[in-house]
């Protein structure tokens, strides 16, 4: 009956409608990014003359030369990579180790801790109290200030907990019969079966660390420890003021148009984390859905 429905004129028309709509949505999603890339390679004359274009008539790399003209940009890229990798590992460690005991019905105080987690989703101390806590802990001008305050996302924790609850209890019972401790069950049984959800939230956490610049503005005053996003912000501010890092630039270098610099900054800040997605894509769709069924 289902095959007859799919092969009917109405079924084929529905499929065609879906393909057309998905194609339109795909184009609308990719189009802005193509526009940004095209503008990042455009000359000032073309940006002034043409209000919208995807492929510039004349390619100019001046915006990227301006961004990479100083050695500080490479240092900031290294800082961002370190904070992203280390911060994601910190996030996964605390999220997984807290989600597992909360997923067990025999864990004492489970309901109280879950209520505290939910409470943290609804209420927060605010920016100033958080700053005072970080200062009191001596984390200012430290990379830990960019990783520890958001070590656990309450929403991610709940989803991972629900995912652990859906695992057959017989697996854990068999592991304990074989002599596994709680940590052994987590490491040998639970985590190997949790690759989709781990990959998904690793991507979520990594994107958050890579794009985060406000925390660095608040807690990092040493410019040598600025991540890429803060450095790119400084580049945009300098371009708006028509002032560059002239000490590290070629004296004959002509500053590119401000619009091209802004677009190139977006490309430089987006491409690195975008390259990570293909390695996690096969787990991504499955991991988003898992853990979201049961409460």
Foldseek 3Di string as FASTA:
>chain_A
DVVCCCPDPVNVVVVVVVVVVVVVVVCVVCVVLLFLVQLLQEFPVCVVPDVTDRHHPHGHNLLVCQLVLDPLLVLQQVLLVVLLVVLLVLLLVVLLVVLQLLLDPPRPCSVVVLVVLVVCVVDDPDDVVLLVVCVVVVCFQHSVLLRVVPSYDSVLSQLVSLLNNPDDVVQVVVVVVVPADPVRCCVPPVVVVQLLQSLQVSLVSSVCSLQDQVSCVSRRPPSSNHHNNVSLVVSLVCVVVVHGPVVSHDPPRDRGHSSSNVSVSVCVSPVVSVVCCVVSVVSNVVNVPRSPPDD
